[in-house]
């Protein structure tokens, strides 16, 4: 009996070590492109290709992630939406720009920031994510204003508590966005209001998909809302899904395209992880091509 117990314990430890090795060495580098059709355009309208990139959490030496992201320019998107948490280190900016440069020079874009654009991550117990009342801590300051300046210099629209209208793929797109609700920088009230009926489509951006932001965007008539932040749960259990979302959104909508009231909500699982929790399980890193198509 004692030998069987030892064998069982050894088996559990081996399986655990193998799972950790897979999650940290393989899956977190298995970059994936997801595709969804989103029926939000008028009948007979031509499709509009929208590329969403989120949660790069770039470290300076992550060349594989930089190269993969840069390669997304080959998709020839009509519009790029960047939904925050681009950096993870004070020296991350060159890597972020290397990843985005081919898109910055070929497609119109818009962006909002996440908490890890302002300050870096800190080492923490991962079980604290199950405590909604935990004290949120941030690390060193990051070069967010330098990132903002470069994105804006290439014509990408800063939607941190702002509204704008731009042309993409020959269509008029009305956009609204908020700064990161996760650290209470959002001020949707300052930009709230009904959509412009002249625009071909209306899209909202937020880093963290907090219901206090999603609800008024939906009420104002934005047909599509895009967000990141959740990492899709980062660790998902087969048959159960995400364990946590790290925000007020329910676990069922931790990643992917779902209805949210009268709107469509897409939550990206993102392309990175915190350097202090470099694992993914049943939730590979991703970018998403959202093809906007006519409503049925």
C-alpha atoms as a PDB file:
ATOM      1  CA  UNK A   1       0.000   0.000   0.000  1.00  0.00           C
ATOM      2  CA  UNK A   2       2.784   2.423   0.933  1.00  0.00           C
ATOM      3  CA  UNK A   3       4.586   1.797  -2.364  1.00  0.00           C
ATOM      4  CA  UNK A   4       1.374   2.418  -4.304  1.00  0.00           C
ATOM      5  CA  UNK A   5       0.894   5.702  -2.479  1.00  0.00           C
ATOM      6  CA  UNK A   6       4.424   6.739  -3.362  1.00  0.00           C
ATOM      7  CA  UNK A   7       3.859   5.800  -6.998  1.00  0.00           C
ATOM      8  CA  UNK A   8       0.625   7.793  -7.082  1.00  0.00           C
ATOM      9  CA  UNK A   9       2.301  10.818  -5.517  1.00  0.00           C
ATOM     10  CA  UNK A  10       5.163  10.559  -7.991  1.00  0.00           C
ATOM     11  CA  UNK A  11       2.689  10.344 -10.847  1.00  0.00           C
ATOM     12  CA  UNK A  12       0.826  13.435  -9.670  1.00  0.00           C
ATOM     13  CA  UNK A  13       4.072  15.394  -9.318  1.00  0.00           C
ATOM     14  CA  UNK A  14       5.234  14.301 -12.764  1.00  0.00           C
ATOM     15  CA  UNK A  15       1.920  15.259 -14.348  1.00  0.00           C
ATOM     16  CA  UNK A  16       1.998  18.608 -12.588  1.00  0.00           C
ATOM     17  CA  UNK A  17       5.536  19.320 -13.732  1.00  0.00           C
ATOM     18  CA  UNK A  18       4.660  18.351 -17.298  1.00  0.00           C
ATOM     19  CA  UNK A  19       1.583  20.598 -17.275  1.00  0.00           C
ATOM     20  CA  UNK A  20       3.583  23.532 -15.923  1.00  0.00           C
ATOM     21  CA  UNK A  21       6.295  23.002 -18.536  1.00  0.00           C
ATOM     22  CA  UNK A  22       3.681  22.904 -21.316  1.00  0.00           C
ATOM     23  CA  UNK A  23       1.881  25.996 -20.013  1.00  0.00           C
ATOM     24  CA  UNK A  24       5.058  28.045 -19.589  1.00  0.00           C
ATOM     25  CA  UNK A  25       7.207  26.897 -22.506  1.00  0.00           C
ATOM     26  CA  UNK A  26       4.770  25.876 -25.238  1.00  0.00           C
ATOM     27  CA  UNK A  27       1.256  27.258 -24.961  1.00  0.00           C
ATOM     28  CA  UNK A  28       2.156  30.798 -23.953  1.00  0.00           C
ATOM     29  CA  UNK A  29       4.193  31.014 -27.190  1.00  0.00           C
ATOM     30  CA  UNK A  30       1.542  29.365 -29.405  1.00  0.00           C
ATOM     31  CA  UNK A  31       0.288  32.597 -30.952  1.00  0.00           C
ATOM     32  CA  UNK A  32      -3.101  32.203 -32.587  1.00  0.00           C
ATOM     33  CA  UNK A  33      -5.252  34.270 -34.923  1.00  0.00           C
ATOM     34  CA  UNK A  34      -8.957  34.032 -34.159  1.00  0.00           C
ATOM     35  CA  UNK A  35     -11.590  35.082 -36.697  1.00  0.00           C
ATOM     36  CA  UNK A  36     -15.185  36.139 -36.146  1.00  0.00           C
ATOM     37  CA  UNK A  37     -17.889  37.576 -38.372  1.00  0.00           C
ATOM     38  CA  UNK A  38     -19.824  40.321 -36.591  1.00  0.00           C
ATOM     39  CA  UNK A  39     -23.213  41.230 -38.143  1.00  0.00           C
ATOM     40  CA  UNK A  40     -23.389  44.985 -37.502  1.00  0.00           C
ATOM     41  CA  UNK A  41     -23.396  46.614 -40.953  1.00  0.00           C
ATOM     42  CA  UNK A  42     -26.320  47.714 -43.080  1.00  0.00           C
ATOM     43  CA  UNK A  43     -27.751  45.243 -45.596  1.00  0.00           C
ATOM     44  CA  UNK A  44     -25.674  44.870 -48.768  1.00  0.00           C
ATOM     45  CA  UNK A  45     -22.652  46.626 -47.179  1.00  0.00           C
ATOM     46  CA  UNK A  46     -19.191  45.360 -48.039  1.00  0.00           C
ATOM     47  CA  UNK A  47     -17.328  43.635 -45.172  1.00  0.00           C
ATOM     48  CA  UNK A  48     -14.987  45.700 -43.009  1.00  0.00           C
ATOM     49  CA  UNK A  49     -11.902  43.940 -41.592  1.00  0.00           C
ATOM     50  CA  UNK A  50     -10.986  45.017 -38.045  1.00  0.00           C
ATOM     51  CA  UNK A  51      -7.863  43.661 -36.348  1.00  0.00           C
ATOM     52  CA  UNK A  52      -7.833  43.746 -32.539  1.00  0.00           C
ATOM     53  CA  UNK A  53      -4.541  43.475 -30.655  1.00  0.00           C
ATOM     54  CA  UNK A  54      -4.535  43.412 -26.863  1.00  0.00           C
ATOM     55  CA  UNK A  55      -2.405  42.702 -23.806  1.00  0.00           C
ATOM     56  CA  UNK A  56       0.991  42.376 -25.439  1.00  0.00           C
ATOM     57  CA  UNK A  57       2.671  42.766 -22.019  1.00  0.00           C
ATOM     58  CA  UNK A  58       5.855  43.120 -24.024  1.00  0.00           C
ATOM     59  CA  UNK A  59       9.249  42.409 -22.523  1.00  0.00           C
ATOM     60  CA  UNK A  60      12.326  43.752 -24.351  1.00  0.00           C
ATOM     61  CA  UNK A  61      13.625  40.328 -25.455  1.00  0.00           C
ATOM     62  CA  UNK A  62      10.360  38.819 -26.743  1.00  0.00           C
ATOM     63  CA  UNK A  63      11.365  38.766 -30.391  1.00  0.00           C
ATOM     64  CA  UNK A  64       9.097  35.851 -31.320  1.00  0.00           C
ATOM     65  CA  UNK A  65       6.019  37.750 -30.156  1.00  0.00           C
ATOM     66  CA  UNK A  66       7.211  40.901 -31.885  1.00  0.00           C
ATOM     67  CA  UNK A  67       7.756  39.098 -35.183  1.00  0.00           C
ATOM     68  CA  UNK A  68       4.398  37.302 -35.026  1.00  0.00           C
ATOM     69  CA  UNK A  69       2.535  40.538 -34.284  1.00  0.00           C
ATOM     70  CA  UNK A  70       4.350  42.408 -37.042  1.00  0.00           C
ATOM     71  CA  UNK A  71       3.300  39.672 -39.448  1.00  0.00           C
ATOM     72  CA  UNK A  72      -0.372  40.514 -38.855  1.00  0.00           C
ATOM     73  CA  UNK A  73       0.057  43.369 -41.336  1.00  0.00           C
ATOM     74  CA  UNK A  74      -0.188  40.713 -44.068  1.00  0.00           C
ATOM     75  CA  UNK A  75      -3.907  40.426 -43.203  1.00  0.00           C
ATOM     76  CA  UNK A  76      -4.350  43.902 -44.729  1.00  0.00           C
ATOM     77  CA  UNK A  77      -6.909  45.066 -42.133  1.00  0.00           C
ATOM     78  CA  UNK A  78      -9.078  48.102 -42.783  1.00  0.00           C
ATOM     79  CA  UNK A  79      -8.761  49.203 -39.149  1.00  0.00           C
ATOM     80  CA  UNK A  80      -6.605  48.260 -36.146  1.00  0.00           C
ATOM     81  CA  UNK A  81      -7.878  48.518 -32.563  1.00  0.00           C
ATOM     82  CA  UNK A  82      -5.315  48.363 -29.751  1.00  0.00           C
ATOM     83  CA  UNK A  83      -6.928  47.676 -26.378  1.00  0.00           C
ATOM     84  CA  UNK A  84      -4.143  48.224 -23.872  1.00  0.00           C
ATOM     85  CA  UNK A  85      -1.547  46.639 -21.590  1.00  0.00           C
ATOM     86  CA  UNK A  86       1.166  46.920 -24.209  1.00  0.00           C
ATOM     87  CA  UNK A  87       4.209  47.060 -21.907  1.00  0.00           C
ATOM     88  CA  UNK A  88       5.610  45.060 -19.006  1.00  0.00           C
ATOM     89  CA  UNK A  89       9.027  46.696 -18.466  1.00  0.00           C
ATOM     90  CA  UNK A  90      10.515  50.215 -18.649  1.00  0.00           C
ATOM     91  CA  UNK A  91      12.524  49.063 -21.676  1.00  0.00           C
ATOM     92  CA  UNK A  92       9.540  47.590 -23.527  1.00  0.00           C
ATOM     93  CA  UNK A  93       8.757  50.471 -25.870  1.00  0.00           C
ATOM     94  CA  UNK A  94      11.175  49.567 -28.707  1.00  0.00           C
ATOM     95  CA  UNK A  95       9.780  46.031 -28.779  1.00  0.00           C
ATOM     96  CA  UNK A  96       6.182  47.255 -28.839  1.00  0.00           C
ATOM     97  CA  UNK A  97       6.959  49.601 -31.713  1.00  0.00           C
ATOM     98  CA  UNK A  98       8.842  46.880 -33.591  1.00  0.00           C
ATOM     99  CA  UNK A  99       5.745  44.692 -33.305  1.00  0.00           C
ATOM    100  CA  UNK A 100       3.322  47.412 -34.396  1.00  0.00           C
ATOM    101  CA  UNK A 101       5.402  49.291 -36.983  1.00  0.00           C
ATOM    102  CA  UNK A 102       4.107  47.471 -40.102  1.00  0.00           C
ATOM    103  CA  UNK A 103       0.530  48.169 -39.000  1.00  0.00           C
ATOM    104  CA  UNK A 104       1.208  51.766 -38.001  1.00  0.00           C
ATOM    105  CA  UNK A 105       2.384  52.535 -41.509  1.00  0.00           C
ATOM    106  CA  UNK A 106      -0.340  50.689 -43.429  1.00  0.00           C
ATOM    107  CA  UNK A 107      -3.667  50.938 -41.582  1.00  0.00           C
ATOM    108  CA  UNK A 108      -5.707  53.482 -39.634  1.00  0.00           C
ATOM    109  CA  UNK A 109      -6.002  52.664 -35.960  1.00  0.00           C
ATOM    110  CA  UNK A 110      -7.295  53.649 -32.551  1.00  0.00           C
ATOM    111  CA  UNK A 111      -6.177  52.810 -29.024  1.00  0.00           C
ATOM    112  CA  UNK A 112      -6.963  52.850 -25.322  1.00  0.00           C
ATOM    113  CA  UNK A 113      -4.524  52.112 -22.520  1.00  0.00           C
ATOM    114  CA  UNK A 114      -4.497  49.559 -19.713  1.00  0.00           C
ATOM    115  CA  UNK A 115      -2.943  49.666 -16.272  1.00  0.00           C
ATOM    116  CA  UNK A 116       0.254  48.058 -17.593  1.00  0.00           C
ATOM    117  CA  UNK A 117       0.832  50.960 -19.910  1.00  0.00           C
ATOM    118  CA  UNK A 118       1.146  53.306 -16.958  1.00  0.00           C
ATOM    119  CA  UNK A 119       2.984  51.125 -14.440  1.00  0.00           C
ATOM    120  CA  UNK A 120       4.561  47.704 -14.584  1.00  0.00           C
ATOM    121  CA  UNK A 121       3.394  44.500 -12.917  1.00  0.00           C
ATOM    122  CA  UNK A 122       4.549  43.311  -9.508  1.00  0.00           C
ATOM    123  CA  UNK A 123       5.083  39.864  -8.037  1.00  0.00           C
ATOM    124  CA  UNK A 124       1.887  38.632  -6.394  1.00  0.00           C
ATOM    125  CA  UNK A 125       0.228  35.469  -5.194  1.00  0.00           C
ATOM    126  CA  UNK A 126      -1.955  34.244  -8.121  1.00  0.00           C
ATOM    127  CA  UNK A 127      -4.653  33.113  -5.686  1.00  0.00           C
ATOM    128  CA  UNK A 128      -5.336  36.772  -4.859  1.00  0.00           C
ATOM    129  CA  UNK A 129      -7.176  36.994  -8.204  1.00  0.00           C
ATOM    130  CA  UNK A 130     -10.010  35.094  -6.527  1.00  0.00           C
ATOM    131  CA  UNK A 131     -10.411  37.942  -4.026  1.00  0.00           C
ATOM    132  CA  UNK A 132     -12.431  40.805  -5.583  1.00  0.00           C
ATOM    133  CA  UNK A 133     -11.571  43.068  -2.645  1.00  0.00           C
ATOM    134  CA  UNK A 134      -7.807  42.745  -2.847  1.00  0.00           C
ATOM    135  CA  UNK A 135      -5.649  45.861  -2.849  1.00  0.00           C
ATOM    136  CA  UNK A 136      -4.331  46.482  -6.352  1.00  0.00           C
ATOM    137  CA  UNK A 137      -0.591  47.173  -6.500  1.00  0.00           C
ATOM    138  CA  UNK A 138       1.488  48.474  -9.403  1.00  0.00           C
ATOM    139  CA  UNK A 139       5.206  48.636 -10.045  1.00  0.00           C
ATOM    140  CA  UNK A 140       7.594  50.957 -11.844  1.00  0.00           C
ATOM    141  CA  UNK A 141       6.404  53.741 -14.108  1.00  0.00           C
ATOM    142  CA  UNK A 142       6.347  52.939 -17.826  1.00  0.00           C
ATOM    143  CA  UNK A 143       6.919  55.295 -20.809  1.00  0.00           C
ATOM    144  CA  UNK A 144       3.217  55.663 -21.577  1.00  0.00           C
ATOM    145  CA  UNK A 145       3.467  59.213 -22.900  1.00  0.00           C
ATOM    146  CA  UNK A 146       6.185  58.175 -25.351  1.00  0.00           C
ATOM    147  CA  UNK A 147       3.950  55.362 -26.571  1.00  0.00           C
ATOM    148  CA  UNK A 148       1.011  57.738 -26.887  1.00  0.00           C
ATOM    149  CA  UNK A 149       3.089  60.208 -28.887  1.00  0.00           C
ATOM    150  CA  UNK A 150       4.299  57.586 -31.367  1.00  0.00           C
ATOM    151  CA  UNK A 151       0.839  56.110 -31.933  1.00  0.00           C
ATOM    152  CA  UNK A 152      -0.677  59.559 -32.413  1.00  0.00           C
ATOM    153  CA  UNK A 153       2.146  60.642 -34.726  1.00  0.00           C
ATOM    154  CA  UNK A 154       1.156  57.796 -37.053  1.00  0.00           C
ATOM    155  CA  UNK A 155      -2.431  59.000 -37.078  1.00  0.00           C
ATOM    156  CA  UNK A 156      -3.889  56.455 -34.669  1.00  0.00           C
ATOM    157  CA  UNK A 157      -6.696  57.926 -32.598  1.00  0.00           C
ATOM    158  CA  UNK A 158      -6.331  58.269 -28.825  1.00  0.00           C
ATOM    159  CA  UNK A 159      -9.664  57.115 -27.368  1.00  0.00           C
ATOM    160  CA  UNK A 160      -8.800  57.345 -23.674  1.00  0.00           C
ATOM    161  CA  UNK A 161     -12.040  59.016 -22.517  1.00  0.00           C
ATOM    162  CA  UNK A 162     -12.649  60.361 -25.996  1.00  0.00           C
ATOM    163  CA  UNK A 163     -14.862  60.115 -29.081  1.00  0.00           C
ATOM    164  CA  UNK A 164     -13.805  60.294 -32.689  1.00  0.00           C
ATOM    165  CA  UNK A 165     -14.838  59.518 -36.252  1.00  0.00           C
ATOM    166  CA  UNK A 166     -12.472  58.100 -38.846  1.00  0.00           C
ATOM    167  CA  UNK A 167     -12.515  56.611 -42.315  1.00  0.00           C
ATOM    168  CA  UNK A 168     -11.622  52.940 -42.697  1.00  0.00           C
ATOM    169  CA  UNK A 169     -12.159  50.760 -45.734  1.00  0.00           C
ATOM    170  CA  UNK A 170     -14.170  53.534 -47.355  1.00  0.00           C
ATOM    171  CA  UNK A 171     -16.612  53.611 -44.438  1.00  0.00           C
ATOM    172  CA  UNK A 172     -17.270  56.113 -41.673  1.00  0.00           C
ATOM    173  CA  UNK A 173     -16.597  54.586 -38.245  1.00  0.00           C
ATOM    174  CA  UNK A 174     -17.669  56.337 -35.048  1.00  0.00           C
ATOM    175  CA  UNK A 175     -15.530  55.375 -32.067  1.00  0.00           C
ATOM    176  CA  UNK A 176     -15.739  55.940 -28.333  1.00  0.00           C
ATOM    177  CA  UNK A 177     -13.337  54.780 -25.657  1.00  0.00           C
ATOM    178  CA  UNK A 178     -12.382  55.036 -22.023  1.00  0.00           C
ATOM    179  CA  UNK A 179      -9.128  54.925 -20.128  1.00  0.00           C
ATOM    180  CA  UNK A 180      -8.652  51.782 -18.038  1.00  0.00           C
ATOM    181  CA  UNK A 181     -11.565  51.080 -15.662  1.00  0.00           C
ATOM    182  CA  UNK A 182      -9.411  48.555 -13.779  1.00  0.00           C
ATOM    183  CA  UNK A 183      -7.515  51.429 -12.183  1.00  0.00           C
ATOM    184  CA  UNK A 184     -10.517  53.789 -12.237  1.00  0.00           C
ATOM    185  CA  UNK A 185      -9.226  56.060 -14.981  1.00  0.00           C
ATOM    186  CA  UNK A 186     -12.460  55.720 -16.970  1.00  0.00           C
ATOM    187  CA  UNK A 187     -14.804  58.671 -17.434  1.00  0.00           C
ATOM    188  CA  UNK A 188     -17.499  57.528 -19.810  1.00  0.00           C
ATOM    189  CA  UNK A 189     -19.849  60.252 -18.584  1.00  0.00           C
ATOM    190  CA  UNK A 190     -17.565  62.802 -20.247  1.00  0.00           C
ATOM    191  CA  UNK A 191     -18.077  61.207 -23.672  1.00  0.00           C
ATOM    192  CA  UNK A 192     -21.532  59.642 -23.323  1.00  0.00           C
ATOM    193  CA  UNK A 193     -24.311  60.219 -25.826  1.00  0.00           C
ATOM    194  CA  UNK A 194     -26.211  58.606 -28.642  1.00  0.00           C
ATOM    195  CA  UNK A 195     -24.444  57.448 -31.777  1.00  0.00           C
ATOM    196  CA  UNK A 196     -24.307  59.415 -35.008  1.00  0.00           C
ATOM    197  CA  UNK A 197     -26.797  57.792 -37.401  1.00  0.00           C
ATOM    198  CA  UNK A 198     -24.767  59.004 -40.381  1.00  0.00           C
ATOM    199  CA  UNK A 199     -21.807  56.767 -39.462  1.00  0.00           C
ATOM    200  CA  UNK A 200     -21.716  53.303 -41.036  1.00  0.00           C
ATOM    201  CA  UNK A 201     -20.817  51.551 -37.770  1.00  0.00           C
ATOM    202  CA  UNK A 202     -20.236  52.491 -34.140  1.00  0.00           C
ATOM    203  CA  UNK A 203     -17.523  50.820 -32.019  1.00  0.00           C
ATOM    204  CA  UNK A 204     -16.597  51.181 -28.339  1.00  0.00           C
ATOM    205  CA  UNK A 205     -13.187  50.428 -26.795  1.00  0.00           C
ATOM    206  CA  UNK A 206     -12.211  49.676 -23.206  1.00  0.00           C
ATOM    207  CA  UNK A 207      -9.299  47.766 -21.750  1.00  0.00           C
ATOM    208  CA  UNK A 208     -11.147  46.154 -18.855  1.00  0.00           C
ATOM    209  CA  UNK A 209     -14.695  45.040 -19.751  1.00  0.00           C
ATOM    210  CA  UNK A 210     -16.394  46.413 -16.684  1.00  0.00           C
ATOM    211  CA  UNK A 211     -20.199  46.418 -16.816  1.00  0.00           C
ATOM    212  CA  UNK A 212     -20.267  50.043 -15.608  1.00  0.00           C
ATOM    213  CA  UNK A 213     -18.665  50.940 -18.954  1.00  0.00           C
ATOM    214  CA  UNK A 214     -20.269  48.305 -21.173  1.00  0.00           C
ATOM    215  CA  UNK A 215     -23.816  49.121 -20.078  1.00  0.00           C
ATOM    216  CA  UNK A 216     -23.837  52.810 -21.108  1.00  0.00           C
ATOM    217  CA  UNK A 217     -21.964  52.066 -24.346  1.00  0.00           C
ATOM    218  CA  UNK A 218     -24.689  49.581 -25.211  1.00  0.00           C
ATOM    219  CA  UNK A 219     -27.417  52.032 -24.174  1.00  0.00           C
ATOM    220  CA  UNK A 220     -25.873  54.708 -26.407  1.00  0.00           C
ATOM    221  CA  UNK A 221     -26.149  52.407 -29.434  1.00  0.00           C
ATOM    222  CA  UNK A 222     -22.600  51.182 -30.067  1.00  0.00           C
ATOM    223  CA  UNK A 223     -23.109  47.952 -31.993  1.00  0.00           C
ATOM    224  CA  UNK A 224     -19.670  46.482 -31.211  1.00  0.00           C
ATOM    225  CA  UNK A 225     -17.559  46.850 -28.065  1.00  0.00           C
ATOM    226  CA  UNK A 226     -14.023  45.453 -27.864  1.00  0.00           C
ATOM    227  CA  UNK A 227     -11.980  44.833 -24.732  1.00  0.00           C
ATOM    228  CA  UNK A 228      -9.034  42.869 -23.369  1.00  0.00           C
ATOM    229  CA  UNK A 229      -7.625  42.572 -19.834  1.00  0.00           C
ATOM    230  CA  UNK A 230      -9.041  39.142 -18.894  1.00  0.00           C
ATOM    231  CA  UNK A 231      -6.385  37.083 -20.758  1.00  0.00           C
ATOM    232  CA  UNK A 232      -9.353  34.797 -21.406  1.00  0.00           C
ATOM    233  CA  UNK A 233      -8.845  33.604 -17.847  1.00  0.00           C
ATOM    234  CA  UNK A 234      -5.235  32.703 -18.796  1.00  0.00           C
ATOM    235  CA  UNK A 235      -5.756  29.301 -17.150  1.00  0.00           C
ATOM    236  CA  UNK A 236      -8.938  27.566 -18.302  1.00  0.00           C
ATOM    237  CA  UNK A 237     -10.291  24.209 -17.218  1.00  0.00           C
ATOM    238  CA  UNK A 238     -11.752  21.972 -19.945  1.00  0.00           C
ATOM    239  CA  UNK A 239     -15.521  21.832 -19.530  1.00  0.00           C
ATOM    240  CA  UNK A 240     -15.477  24.754 -17.092  1.00  0.00           C
ATOM    241  CA  UNK A 241     -13.683  27.602 -18.831  1.00  0.00           C
ATOM    242  CA  UNK A 242     -12.039  30.576 -17.174  1.00  0.00           C
ATOM    243  CA  UNK A 243     -11.529  30.407 -13.433  1.00  0.00           C
ATOM    244  CA  UNK A 244     -11.581  34.201 -13.050  1.00  0.00           C
ATOM    245  CA  UNK A 245     -11.958  37.298 -15.244  1.00  0.00           C
ATOM    246  CA  UNK A 246     -10.190  39.807 -12.946  1.00  0.00           C
ATOM    247  CA  UNK A 247     -13.094  42.220 -13.498  1.00  0.00           C
ATOM    248  CA  UNK A 248     -16.869  42.459 -13.149  1.00  0.00           C
ATOM    249  CA  UNK A 249     -17.611  40.514 -16.329  1.00  0.00           C
ATOM    250  CA  UNK A 250     -18.970  36.994 -15.938  1.00  0.00           C
ATOM    251  CA  UNK A 251     -16.674  34.040 -16.635  1.00  0.00           C
ATOM    252  CA  UNK A 252     -18.705  32.844 -19.639  1.00  0.00           C
ATOM    253  CA  UNK A 253     -17.666  35.933 -21.583  1.00  0.00           C
ATOM    254  CA  UNK A 254     -13.998  35.939 -20.507  1.00  0.00           C
ATOM    255  CA  UNK A 255     -12.934  35.648 -24.148  1.00  0.00           C
ATOM    256  CA  UNK A 256     -14.499  35.586 -27.595  1.00  0.00           C
ATOM    257  CA  UNK A 257     -17.556  37.142 -29.210  1.00  0.00           C
ATOM    258  CA  UNK A 258     -20.819  37.303 -27.278  1.00  0.00           C
ATOM    259  CA  UNK A 259     -24.011  39.284 -27.169  1.00  0.00           C
ATOM    260  CA  UNK A 260     -24.097  41.961 -24.499  1.00  0.00           C
ATOM    261  CA  UNK A 261     -27.553  43.480 -24.416  1.00  0.00           C
ATOM    262  CA  UNK A 262     -28.193  44.936 -27.851  1.00  0.00           C
ATOM    263  CA  UNK A 263     -24.451  45.033 -28.643  1.00  0.00           C
ATOM    264  CA  UNK A 264     -21.798  42.548 -29.626  1.00  0.00           C
ATOM    265  CA  UNK A 265     -18.912  42.276 -27.152  1.00  0.00           C
ATOM    266  CA  UNK A 266     -15.556  40.865 -28.149  1.00  0.00           C
ATOM    267  CA  UNK A 267     -13.066  40.188 -25.344  1.00  0.00           C
ATOM    268  CA  UNK A 268      -9.579  39.303 -26.525  1.00  0.00           C
ATOM    269  CA  UNK A 269      -7.542  36.767 -24.552  1.00  0.00           C
ATOM    270  CA  UNK A 270      -4.514  38.856 -25.547  1.00  0.00           C
ATOM    271  CA  UNK A 271      -1.003  38.018 -26.648  1.00  0.00           C
ATOM    272  CA  UNK A 272       0.985  38.159 -23.428  1.00  0.00           C
ATOM    273  CA  UNK A 273       1.186  37.418 -19.745  1.00  0.00           C
ATOM    274  CA  UNK A 274       2.669  39.094 -16.726  1.00  0.00           C
ATOM    275  CA  UNK A 275       6.397  38.270 -16.492  1.00  0.00           C
ATOM    276  CA  UNK A 276       5.611  37.044 -12.979  1.00  0.00           C
ATOM    277  CA  UNK A 277       3.008  34.536 -14.220  1.00  0.00           C
ATOM    278  CA  UNK A 278       4.319  33.357 -17.609  1.00  0.00           C
ATOM    279  CA  UNK A 279       1.859  30.510 -18.130  1.00  0.00           C
ATOM    280  CA  UNK A 280      -1.229  29.802 -20.219  1.00  0.00           C
ATOM    281  CA  UNK A 281      -3.322  26.669 -20.183  1.00  0.00           C
ATOM    282  CA  UNK A 282      -6.189  25.870 -22.582  1.00  0.00           C
ATOM    283  CA  UNK A 283      -6.028  29.558 -23.534  1.00  0.00           C
ATOM    284  CA  UNK A 284      -3.341  30.297 -26.145  1.00  0.00           C
ATOM    285  CA  UNK A 285      -2.276  33.890 -26.808  1.00  0.00           C
ATOM    286  CA  UNK A 286      -4.285  35.500 -29.576  1.00  0.00           C
ATOM    287  CA  UNK A 287      -5.075  38.412 -31.827  1.00  0.00           C
ATOM    288  CA  UNK A 288      -8.452  38.629 -33.560  1.00  0.00           C
ATOM    289  CA  UNK A 289      -9.665  39.536 -37.018  1.00  0.00           C
ATOM    290  CA  UNK A 290     -13.232  40.765 -36.679  1.00  0.00           C
ATOM    291  CA  UNK A 291     -14.939  40.900 -40.063  1.00  0.00           C
ATOM    292  CA  UNK A 292     -17.896  43.256 -39.830  1.00  0.00           C
ATOM    293  CA  UNK A 293     -20.662  42.002 -42.108  1.00  0.00           C
ATOM    294  CA  UNK A 294     -24.283  42.990 -42.822  1.00  0.00           C
ATOM    295  CA  UNK A 295     -26.938  42.289 -40.244  1.00  0.00           C
ATOM    296  CA  UNK A 296     -29.197  39.407 -41.202  1.00  0.00           C
END
